[in-house]
Amino acid sequence: MGLPLTEFERRVADVLHRIPRGKTLAYSQVALRAGRPGGARSVVRALRGLHGAGVQVPWWRVIRADHTLAAEVAAEQARRLKREGVKTRGRRVL
């Protein structure tokens, strides 16, 4: 098991678990729902912390505000989203 989770990481995990299958939220929307308006970058850090702690969350349901996927994870993210019925074209969620 990894490091203990911060309160914000716990809130982000809760928000992610509430995103319905086949739906997405922008990082900024996750931040707002987790109580940190304007904290999109904090969500990215929280996702890394959750991963490091071995916490499984549906990370692939979080996308950029412009509906694109981050290059580092785009192939895997698109594959998982398509499996849930989300349409993508290249690195863009339609």
PDB file of N, CA and C in Angstrom:
ATOM      1  N   MET A   1       0.846  -1.183   0.000  1.00  0.00           N
ATOM      2  CA  MET A   1       0.000   0.000   0.000  1.00  0.00           C
ATOM      3  C   MET A   1       0.884   1.236   0.000  1.00  0.00           C
ATOM      4  N   GLY A   2       0.434   2.294  -0.650  1.00  0.00           N
ATOM      5  CA  GLY A   2       1.209   3.528  -0.772  1.00  0.00           C
ATOM      6  C   GLY A   2       1.007   4.447   0.415  1.00  0.00           C
ATOM      7  N   LEU A   3       1.303   5.699   0.194  1.00  0.00           N
ATOM      8  CA  LEU A   3       1.162   6.723   1.225  1.00  0.00           C
ATOM      9  C   LEU A   3      -0.305   6.937   1.595  1.00  0.00           C
ATOM     10  N   PRO A   4      -0.560   7.447   2.802  1.00  0.00           N
ATOM     11  CA  PRO A   4      -1.942   7.762   3.167  1.00  0.00           C
ATOM     12  C   PRO A   4      -2.511   8.839   2.245  1.00  0.00           C
ATOM     13  N   LEU A   5      -3.800   8.781   2.010  1.00  0.00           N
ATOM     14  CA  LEU A   5      -4.452   9.748   1.132  1.00  0.00           C
ATOM     15  C   LEU A   5      -4.709  11.055   1.863  1.00  0.00           C
ATOM     16  N   THR A   6      -4.639  12.144   1.095  1.00  0.00           N
ATOM     17  CA  THR A   6      -5.040  13.442   1.637  1.00  0.00           C
ATOM     18  C   THR A   6      -6.565  13.524   1.580  1.00  0.00           C
ATOM     19  N   GLU A   7      -7.108  14.477   2.287  1.00  0.00           N
ATOM     20  CA  GLU A   7      -8.564  14.686   2.259  1.00  0.00           C
ATOM     21  C   GLU A   7      -9.029  14.994   0.832  1.00  0.00           C
ATOM     22  N   PHE A   8      -8.266  15.804   0.110  1.00  0.00           N
ATOM     23  CA  PHE A   8      -8.639  16.144  -1.259  1.00  0.00           C
ATOM     24  C   PHE A   8      -8.597  14.903  -2.152  1.00  0.00           C
ATOM     25  N   GLU A   9      -7.594  14.059  -2.003  1.00  0.00           N
ATOM     26  CA  GLU A   9      -7.533  12.830  -2.795  1.00  0.00           C
ATOM     27  C   GLU A   9      -8.745  11.949  -2.521  1.00  0.00           C
ATOM     28  N   ARG A  10      -9.172  11.874  -1.276  1.00  0.00           N
ATOM     29  CA  ARG A  10     -10.371  11.092  -0.940  1.00  0.00           C
ATOM     30  C   ARG A  10     -11.613  11.685  -1.611  1.00  0.00           C
ATOM     31  N   ARG A  11     -11.700  13.009  -1.602  1.00  0.00           N
ATOM     32  CA  ARG A  11     -12.866  13.654  -2.235  1.00  0.00           C
ATOM     33  C   ARG A  11     -12.844  13.442  -3.747  1.00  0.00           C
ATOM     34  N   VAL A  12     -11.657  13.537  -4.361  1.00  0.00           N
ATOM     35  CA  VAL A  12     -11.540  13.293  -5.813  1.00  0.00           C
ATOM     36  C   VAL A  12     -11.960  11.859  -6.120  1.00  0.00           C
ATOM     37  N   ALA A  13     -11.486  10.906  -5.341  1.00  0.00           N
ATOM     38  CA  ALA A  13     -11.864   9.503  -5.559  1.00  0.00           C
ATOM     39  C   ALA A  13     -13.379   9.345  -5.480  1.00  0.00           C
ATOM     40  N   ASP A  14     -14.008   9.989  -4.516  1.00  0.00           N
ATOM     41  CA  ASP A  14     -15.457   9.913  -4.364  1.00  0.00           C
ATOM     42  C   ASP A  14     -16.163  10.479  -5.598  1.00  0.00           C
ATOM     43  N   VAL A  15     -15.694  11.619  -6.080  1.00  0.00           N
ATOM     44  CA  VAL A  15     -16.287  12.230  -7.279  1.00  0.00           C
ATOM     45  C   VAL A  15     -16.146  11.286  -8.474  1.00  0.00           C
ATOM     46  N   LEU A  16     -14.970  10.719  -8.653  1.00  0.00           N
ATOM     47  CA  LEU A  16     -14.745   9.833  -9.792  1.00  0.00           C
ATOM     48  C   LEU A  16     -15.634   8.598  -9.729  1.00  0.00           C
ATOM     49  N   HIS A  17     -15.811   8.048  -8.545  1.00  0.00           N
ATOM     50  CA  HIS A  17     -16.675   6.867  -8.409  1.00  0.00           C
ATOM     51  C   HIS A  17     -18.129   7.191  -8.705  1.00  0.00           C
ATOM     52  N   ARG A  18     -18.500   8.454  -8.649  1.00  0.00           N
ATOM     53  CA  ARG A  18     -19.883   8.862  -8.922  1.00  0.00           C
ATOM     54  C   ARG A  18     -20.128   9.206 -10.397  1.00  0.00           C
ATOM     55  N   ILE A  19     -19.076   9.264 -11.209  1.00  0.00           N
ATOM     56  CA  ILE A  19     -19.273   9.531 -12.644  1.00  0.00           C
ATOM     57  C   ILE A  19     -19.863   8.272 -13.266  1.00  0.00           C
ATOM     58  N   PRO A  20     -21.044   8.368 -13.854  1.00  0.00           N
ATOM     59  CA  PRO A  20     -21.663   7.174 -14.443  1.00  0.00           C
ATOM     60  C   PRO A  20     -20.837   6.616 -15.607  1.00  0.00           C
ATOM     61  N   ARG A  21     -20.931   5.322 -15.757  1.00  0.00           N
ATOM     62  CA  ARG A  21     -20.304   4.639 -16.886  1.00  0.00           C
ATOM     63  C   ARG A  21     -20.781   5.306 -18.182  1.00  0.00           C
ATOM     64  N   GLY A  22     -19.857   5.595 -19.095  1.00  0.00           N
ATOM     65  CA  GLY A  22     -20.210   6.210 -20.370  1.00  0.00           C
ATOM     66  C   GLY A  22     -20.294   7.721 -20.332  1.00  0.00           C
ATOM     67  N   LYS A  23     -19.971   8.326 -19.189  1.00  0.00           N
ATOM     68  CA  LYS A  23     -19.995   9.786 -19.046  1.00  0.00           C
ATOM     69  C   LYS A  23     -18.595  10.268 -18.682  1.00  0.00           C
ATOM     70  N   THR A  24     -18.348  11.555 -18.905  1.00  0.00           N
ATOM     71  CA  THR A  24     -17.061  12.143 -18.559  1.00  0.00           C
ATOM     72  C   THR A  24     -17.268  13.468 -17.827  1.00  0.00           C
ATOM     73  N   LEU A  25     -16.238  13.876 -17.106  1.00  0.00           N
ATOM     74  CA  LEU A  25     -16.182  15.199 -16.496  1.00  0.00           C
ATOM     75  C   LEU A  25     -14.822  15.795 -16.815  1.00  0.00           C
ATOM     76  N   ALA A  26     -14.772  17.111 -16.920  1.00  0.00           N
ATOM     77  CA  ALA A  26     -13.501  17.804 -17.092  1.00  0.00           C
ATOM     78  C   ALA A  26     -12.786  17.863 -15.739  1.00  0.00           C
ATOM     79  N   TYR A  27     -11.477  17.985 -15.784  1.00  0.00           N
ATOM     80  CA  TYR A  27     -10.695  18.115 -14.549  1.00  0.00           C
ATOM     81  C   TYR A  27     -11.249  19.236 -13.682  1.00  0.00           C
ATOM     82  N   SER A  28     -11.620  20.351 -14.312  1.00  0.00           N
ATOM     83  CA  SER A  28     -12.144  21.494 -13.554  1.00  0.00           C
ATOM     84  C   SER A  28     -13.475  21.165 -12.884  1.00  0.00           C
ATOM     85  N   GLN A  29     -14.304  20.343 -13.528  1.00  0.00           N
ATOM     86  CA  GLN A  29     -15.572  19.940 -12.930  1.00  0.00           C
ATOM     87  C   GLN A  29     -15.342  19.028 -11.730  1.00  0.00           C
ATOM     88  N   VAL A  30     -14.367  18.141 -11.848  1.00  0.00           N
ATOM     89  CA  VAL A  30     -14.021  17.263 -10.719  1.00  0.00           C
ATOM     90  C   VAL A  30     -13.536  18.117  -9.554  1.00  0.00           C
ATOM     91  N   ALA A  31     -12.667  19.090  -9.846  1.00  0.00           N
ATOM     92  CA  ALA A  31     -12.138  19.964  -8.801  1.00  0.00           C
ATOM     93  C   ALA A  31     -13.266  20.699  -8.086  1.00  0.00           C
ATOM     94  N   LEU A  32     -14.198  21.238  -8.836  1.00  0.00           N
ATOM     95  CA  LEU A  32     -15.325  21.961  -8.256  1.00  0.00           C
ATOM     96  C   LEU A  32     -16.140  21.050  -7.345  1.00  0.00           C
ATOM     97  N   ARG A  33     -16.448  19.859  -7.818  1.00  0.00           N
ATOM     98  CA  ARG A  33     -17.248  18.911  -7.032  1.00  0.00           C
ATOM     99  C   ARG A  33     -16.493  18.402  -5.807  1.00  0.00           C
ATOM    100  N   ALA A  34     -15.160  18.420  -5.879  1.00  0.00           N
ATOM    101  CA  ALA A  34     -14.337  17.976  -4.744  1.00  0.00           C
ATOM    102  C   ALA A  34     -14.029  19.123  -3.789  1.00  0.00           C
ATOM    103  N   GLY A  35     -14.602  20.299  -4.064  1.00  0.00           N
ATOM    104  CA  GLY A  35     -14.454  21.421  -3.151  1.00  0.00           C
ATOM    105  C   GLY A  35     -13.259  22.310  -3.396  1.00  0.00           C
ATOM    106  N   ARG A  36     -12.691  22.258  -4.591  1.00  0.00           N
ATOM    107  CA  ARG A  36     -11.553  23.114  -4.900  1.00  0.00           C
ATOM    108  C   ARG A  36     -11.763  23.778  -6.261  1.00  0.00           C
ATOM    109  N   PRO A  37     -12.650  24.778  -6.333  1.00  0.00           N
ATOM    110  CA  PRO A  37     -12.880  25.482  -7.604  1.00  0.00           C
ATOM    111  C   PRO A  37     -11.570  26.009  -8.167  1.00  0.00           C
ATOM    112  N   GLY A  38     -11.401  25.856  -9.464  1.00  0.00           N
ATOM    113  CA  GLY A  38     -10.172  26.310 -10.112  1.00  0.00           C
ATOM    114  C   GLY A  38      -9.000  25.379  -9.895  1.00  0.00           C
ATOM    115  N   GLY A  39      -9.237  24.205  -9.348  1.00  0.00           N
ATOM    116  CA  GLY A  39      -8.157  23.292  -8.993  1.00  0.00           C
ATOM    117  C   GLY A  39      -7.949  22.131  -9.948  1.00  0.00           C
ATOM    118  N   ALA A  40      -8.077  22.377 -11.248  1.00  0.00           N
ATOM    119  CA  ALA A  40      -7.913  21.295 -12.225  1.00  0.00           C
ATOM    120  C   ALA A  40      -6.542  20.620 -12.097  1.00  0.00           C
ATOM    121  N   ARG A  41      -5.501  21.404 -11.924  1.00  0.00           N
ATOM    122  CA  ARG A  41      -4.159  20.812 -11.781  1.00  0.00           C
ATOM    123  C   ARG A  41      -4.040  20.014 -10.493  1.00  0.00           C
ATOM    124  N   SER A  42      -4.754  20.435  -9.480  1.00  0.00           N
ATOM    125  CA  SER A  42      -4.753  19.681  -8.226  1.00  0.00           C
ATOM    126  C   SER A  42      -5.382  18.306  -8.426  1.00  0.00           C
ATOM    127  N   VAL A  43      -6.363  18.219  -9.320  1.00  0.00           N
ATOM    128  CA  VAL A  43      -6.981  16.929  -9.625  1.00  0.00           C
ATOM    129  C   VAL A  43      -5.965  16.008 -10.274  1.00  0.00           C
ATOM    130  N   VAL A  44      -5.163  16.532 -11.182  1.00  0.00           N
ATOM    131  CA  VAL A  44      -4.115  15.721 -11.825  1.00  0.00           C
ATOM    132  C   VAL A  44      -3.175  15.165 -10.759  1.00  0.00           C
ATOM    133  N   ARG A  45      -2.743  16.022  -9.827  1.00  0.00           N
ATOM    134  CA  ARG A  45      -1.855  15.565  -8.754  1.00  0.00           C
ATOM    135  C   ARG A  45      -2.550  14.532  -7.870  1.00  0.00           C
ATOM    136  N   ALA A  46      -3.839  14.758  -7.599  1.00  0.00           N
ATOM    137  CA  ALA A  46      -4.589  13.803  -6.780  1.00  0.00           C
ATOM    138  C   ALA A  46      -4.681  12.449  -7.473  1.00  0.00           C
ATOM    139  N   LEU A  47      -4.881  12.445  -8.781  1.00  0.00           N
ATOM    140  CA  LEU A  47      -4.942  11.180  -9.518  1.00  0.00           C
ATOM    141  C   LEU A  47      -3.620  10.431  -9.423  1.00  0.00           C
ATOM    142  N   ARG A  48      -2.530  11.152  -9.499  1.00  0.00           N
ATOM    143  CA  ARG A  48      -1.215  10.513  -9.339  1.00  0.00           C
ATOM    144  C   ARG A  48      -1.070   9.942  -7.930  1.00  0.00           C
ATOM    145  N   GLY A  49      -1.536  10.697  -6.933  1.00  0.00           N
ATOM    146  CA  GLY A  49      -1.469  10.219  -5.555  1.00  0.00           C
ATOM    147  C   GLY A  49      -2.320   8.981  -5.339  1.00  0.00           C
ATOM    148  N   LEU A  50      -3.501   8.965  -5.928  1.00  0.00           N
ATOM    149  CA  LEU A  50      -4.372   7.801  -5.818  1.00  0.00           C
ATOM    150  C   LEU A  50      -3.730   6.586  -6.464  1.00  0.00           C
ATOM    151  N   HIS A  51      -3.144   6.786  -7.623  1.00  0.00           N
ATOM    152  CA  HIS A  51      -2.465   5.693  -8.321  1.00  0.00           C
ATOM    153  C   HIS A  51      -1.310   5.166  -7.461  1.00  0.00           C
ATOM    154  N   GLY A  52      -0.522   6.077  -6.905  1.00  0.00           N
ATOM    155  CA  GLY A  52       0.608   5.687  -6.066  1.00  0.00           C
ATOM    156  C   GLY A  52       0.187   4.955  -4.810  1.00  0.00           C
ATOM    157  N   ALA A  53      -1.015   5.248  -4.329  1.00  0.00           N
ATOM    158  CA  ALA A  53      -1.531   4.587  -3.133  1.00  0.00           C
ATOM    159  C   ALA A  53      -2.242   3.276  -3.474  1.00  0.00           C
ATOM    160  N   GLY A  54      -2.327   2.974  -4.768  1.00  0.00           N
ATOM    161  CA  GLY A  54      -2.981   1.739  -5.183  1.00  0.00           C
ATOM    162  C   GLY A  54      -4.495   1.798  -5.162  1.00  0.00           C
ATOM    163  N   VAL A  55      -5.054   3.005  -5.161  1.00  0.00           N
ATOM    164  CA  VAL A  55      -6.511   3.172  -5.146  1.00  0.00           C
ATOM    165  C   VAL A  55      -7.025   3.131  -6.572  1.00  0.00           C
ATOM    166  N   GLN A  56      -7.955   2.237  -6.840  1.00  0.00           N
ATOM    167  CA  GLN A  56      -8.533   2.098  -8.173  1.00  0.00           C
ATOM    168  C   GLN A  56      -9.698   3.069  -8.346  1.00  0.00           C
ATOM    169  N   VAL A  57      -9.592   3.940  -9.322  1.00  0.00           N
ATOM    170  CA  VAL A  57     -10.655   4.880  -9.661  1.00  0.00           C
ATOM    171  C   VAL A  57     -10.817   4.903 -11.177  1.00  0.00           C
ATOM    172  N   PRO A  58     -11.996   5.250 -11.676  1.00  0.00           N
ATOM    173  CA  PRO A  58     -12.206   5.333 -13.123  1.00  0.00           C
ATOM    174  C   PRO A  58     -11.606   6.626 -13.704  1.00  0.00           C
ATOM    175  N   TRP A  59     -10.295   6.725 -13.686  1.00  0.00           N
ATOM    176  CA  TRP A  59      -9.560   7.915 -14.115  1.00  0.00           C
ATOM    177  C   TRP A  59      -9.845   8.275 -15.568  1.00  0.00           C
ATOM    178  N   TRP A  60     -10.165   7.297 -16.380  1.00  0.00           N
ATOM    179  CA  TRP A  60     -10.368   7.526 -17.821  1.00  0.00           C
ATOM    180  C   TRP A  60     -11.614   8.366 -18.099  1.00  0.00           C
ATOM    181  N   ARG A  61     -12.464   8.566 -17.105  1.00  0.00           N
ATOM    182  CA  ARG A  61     -13.666   9.384 -17.291  1.00  0.00           C
ATOM    183  C   ARG A  61     -13.402  10.864 -17.078  1.00  0.00           C
ATOM    184  N   VAL A  62     -12.146  11.231 -16.817  1.00  0.00           N
ATOM    185  CA  VAL A  62     -11.783  12.633 -16.610  1.00  0.00           C
ATOM    186  C   VAL A  62     -11.004  13.109 -17.834  1.00  0.00           C
ATOM    187  N   ILE A  63     -11.505  14.184 -18.454  1.00  0.00           N
ATOM    188  CA  ILE A  63     -10.910  14.694 -19.684  1.00  0.00           C
ATOM    189  C   ILE A  63     -10.635  16.190 -19.539  1.00  0.00           C
ATOM    190  N   ARG A  64      -9.952  16.732 -20.509  1.00  0.00           N
ATOM    191  CA  ARG A  64      -9.682  18.169 -20.528  1.00  0.00           C
ATOM    192  C   ARG A  64     -10.962  18.933 -20.867  1.00  0.00           C
ATOM    193  N   ALA A  65     -11.003  20.188 -20.470  1.00  0.00           N
ATOM    194  CA  ALA A  65     -12.191  21.027 -20.709  1.00  0.00           C
ATOM    195  C   ALA A  65     -12.501  21.173 -22.196  1.00  0.00           C
ATOM    196  N   ASP A  66     -11.476  21.051 -23.046  1.00  0.00           N
ATOM    197  CA  ASP A  66     -11.706  21.169 -24.494  1.00  0.00           C
ATOM    198  C   ASP A  66     -12.077  19.830 -25.131  1.00  0.00           C
ATOM    199  N   HIS A  67     -12.397  18.856 -24.297  1.00  0.00           N
ATOM    200  CA  HIS A  67     -12.837  17.518 -24.718  1.00  0.00           C
ATOM    201  C   HIS A  67     -11.728  16.680 -25.346  1.00  0.00           C
ATOM    202  N   THR A  68     -10.475  17.007 -25.049  1.00  0.00           N
ATOM    203  CA  THR A  68      -9.373  16.204 -25.554  1.00  0.00           C
ATOM    204  C   THR A  68      -8.784  15.362 -24.432  1.00  0.00           C
ATOM    205  N   LEU A  69      -8.049  14.337 -24.853  1.00  0.00           N
ATOM    206  CA  LEU A  69      -7.383  13.427 -23.928  1.00  0.00           C
ATOM    207  C   LEU A  69      -5.910  13.805 -23.839  1.00  0.00           C
ATOM    208  N   ALA A  70      -5.337  13.678 -22.661  1.00  0.00           N
ATOM    209  CA  ALA A  70      -3.912  13.976 -22.486  1.00  0.00           C
ATOM    210  C   ALA A  70      -3.087  12.967 -23.280  1.00  0.00           C
ATOM    211  N   ALA A  71      -2.091  13.444 -23.980  1.00  0.00           N
ATOM    212  CA  ALA A  71      -1.282  12.604 -24.863  1.00  0.00           C
ATOM    213  C   ALA A  71      -0.693  11.394 -24.144  1.00  0.00           C
ATOM    214  N   GLU A  72      -0.272  11.576 -22.888  1.00  0.00           N
ATOM    215  CA  GLU A  72       0.408  10.507 -22.150  1.00  0.00           C
ATOM    216  C   GLU A  72      -0.473   9.276 -21.934  1.00  0.00           C
ATOM    217  N   VAL A  73      -1.775   9.479 -21.869  1.00  0.00           N
ATOM    218  CA  VAL A  73      -2.686   8.369 -21.566  1.00  0.00           C
ATOM    219  C   VAL A  73      -3.769   8.198 -22.629  1.00  0.00           C
ATOM    220  N   ALA A  74      -3.687   8.943 -23.716  1.00  0.00           N
ATOM    221  CA  ALA A  74      -4.774   9.011 -24.698  1.00  0.00           C
ATOM    222  C   ALA A  74      -5.178   7.651 -25.258  1.00  0.00           C
ATOM    223  N   ALA A  75      -4.226   6.823 -25.623  1.00  0.00           N
ATOM    224  CA  ALA A  75      -4.566   5.536 -26.248  1.00  0.00           C
ATOM    225  C   ALA A  75      -5.356   4.657 -25.277  1.00  0.00           C
ATOM    226  N   GLU A  76      -4.866   4.513 -24.060  1.00  0.00           N
ATOM    227  CA  GLU A  76      -5.553   3.682 -23.070  1.00  0.00           C
ATOM    228  C   GLU A  76      -6.886   4.306 -22.660  1.00  0.00           C
ATOM    229  N   GLN A  77      -6.905   5.617 -22.494  1.00  0.00           N
ATOM    230  CA  GLN A  77      -8.122   6.304 -22.098  1.00  0.00           C
ATOM    231  C   GLN A  77      -9.197   6.154 -23.174  1.00  0.00           C
ATOM    232  N   ALA A  78      -8.819   6.355 -24.429  1.00  0.00           N
ATOM    233  CA  ALA A  78      -9.785   6.218 -25.530  1.00  0.00           C
ATOM    234  C   ALA A  78     -10.324   4.797 -25.601  1.00  0.00           C
ATOM    235  N   ARG A  79      -9.470   3.816 -25.406  1.00  0.00           N
ATOM    236  CA  ARG A  79      -9.892   2.409 -25.439  1.00  0.00           C
ATOM    237  C   ARG A  79     -10.930   2.142 -24.348  1.00  0.00           C
ATOM    238  N   ARG A  80     -10.665   2.636 -23.133  1.00  0.00           N
ATOM    239  CA  ARG A  80     -11.593   2.407 -22.019  1.00  0.00           C
ATOM    240  C   ARG A  80     -12.908   3.162 -22.220  1.00  0.00           C
ATOM    241  N   LEU A  81     -12.830   4.386 -22.718  1.00  0.00           N
ATOM    242  CA  LEU A  81     -14.043   5.161 -22.966  1.00  0.00           C
ATOM    243  C   LEU A  81     -14.900   4.506 -24.047  1.00  0.00           C
ATOM    244  N   LYS A  82     -14.269   4.055 -25.117  1.00  0.00           N
ATOM    245  CA  LYS A  82     -15.016   3.396 -26.193  1.00  0.00           C
ATOM    246  C   LYS A  82     -15.732   2.155 -25.675  1.00  0.00           C
ATOM    247  N   ARG A  83     -15.077   1.422 -24.774  1.00  0.00           N
ATOM    248  CA  ARG A  83     -15.686   0.238 -24.181  1.00  0.00           C
ATOM    249  C   ARG A  83     -16.956   0.597 -23.398  1.00  0.00           C
ATOM    250  N   GLU A  84     -17.018   1.835 -22.908  1.00  0.00           N
ATOM    251  CA  GLU A  84     -18.193   2.302 -22.169  1.00  0.00           C
ATOM    252  C   GLU A  84     -19.210   3.006 -23.069  1.00  0.00           C
ATOM    253  N   GLY A  85     -18.925   3.051 -24.378  1.00  0.00           N
ATOM    254  CA  GLY A  85     -19.862   3.654 -25.318  1.00  0.00           C
ATOM    255  C   GLY A  85     -19.630   5.118 -25.622  1.00  0.00           C
ATOM    256  N   VAL A  86     -18.522   5.686 -25.139  1.00  0.00           N
ATOM    257  CA  VAL A  86     -18.199   7.080 -25.419  1.00  0.00           C
ATOM    258  C   VAL A  86     -17.526   7.153 -26.787  1.00  0.00           C
ATOM    259  N   LYS A  87     -18.001   8.043 -27.624  1.00  0.00           N
ATOM    260  CA  LYS A  87     -17.432   8.190 -28.968  1.00  0.00           C
ATOM    261  C   LYS A  87     -16.220   9.119 -28.922  1.00  0.00           C
ATOM    262  N   THR A  88     -15.170   8.701 -29.584  1.00  0.00           N
ATOM    263  CA  THR A  88     -13.961   9.526 -29.679  1.00  0.00           C
ATOM    264  C   THR A  88     -13.499   9.547 -31.134  1.00  0.00           C
ATOM    265  N   ARG A  89     -12.756  10.573 -31.442  1.00  0.00           N
ATOM    266  CA  ARG A  89     -12.097  10.645 -32.747  1.00  0.00           C
ATOM    267  C   ARG A  89     -10.692  11.154 -32.451  1.00  0.00           C
ATOM    268  N   GLY A  90      -9.716  10.298 -32.688  1.00  0.00           N
ATOM    269  CA  GLY A  90      -8.355  10.655 -32.314  1.00  0.00           C
ATOM    270  C   GLY A  90      -8.287  10.867 -30.815  1.00  0.00           C
ATOM    271  N   ARG A  91      -7.814  12.029 -30.412  1.00  0.00           N
ATOM    272  CA  ARG A  91      -7.711  12.352 -28.978  1.00  0.00           C
ATOM    273  C   ARG A  91      -8.858  13.223 -28.498  1.00  0.00           C
ATOM    274  N   ARG A  92      -9.945  13.279 -29.240  1.00  0.00           N
ATOM    275  CA  ARG A  92     -11.080  14.131 -28.875  1.00  0.00           C
ATOM    276  C   ARG A  92     -12.300  13.272 -28.546  1.00  0.00           C
ATOM    277  N   VAL A  93     -12.971  13.621 -27.455  1.00  0.00           N
ATOM    278  CA  VAL A  93     -14.241  13.002 -27.097  1.00  0.00           C
ATOM    279  C   VAL A  93     -15.337  13.764 -27.817  1.00  0.00           C
ATOM    280  N   LEU A  94     -16.184  13.029 -28.509  1.00  0.00           N
ATOM    281  CA  LEU A  94     -17.250  13.665 -29.303  1.00  0.00           C
ATOM    282  C   LEU A  94     -18.509  13.858 -28.503  1.00  0.00           C
TER     283      LEU A  94
END
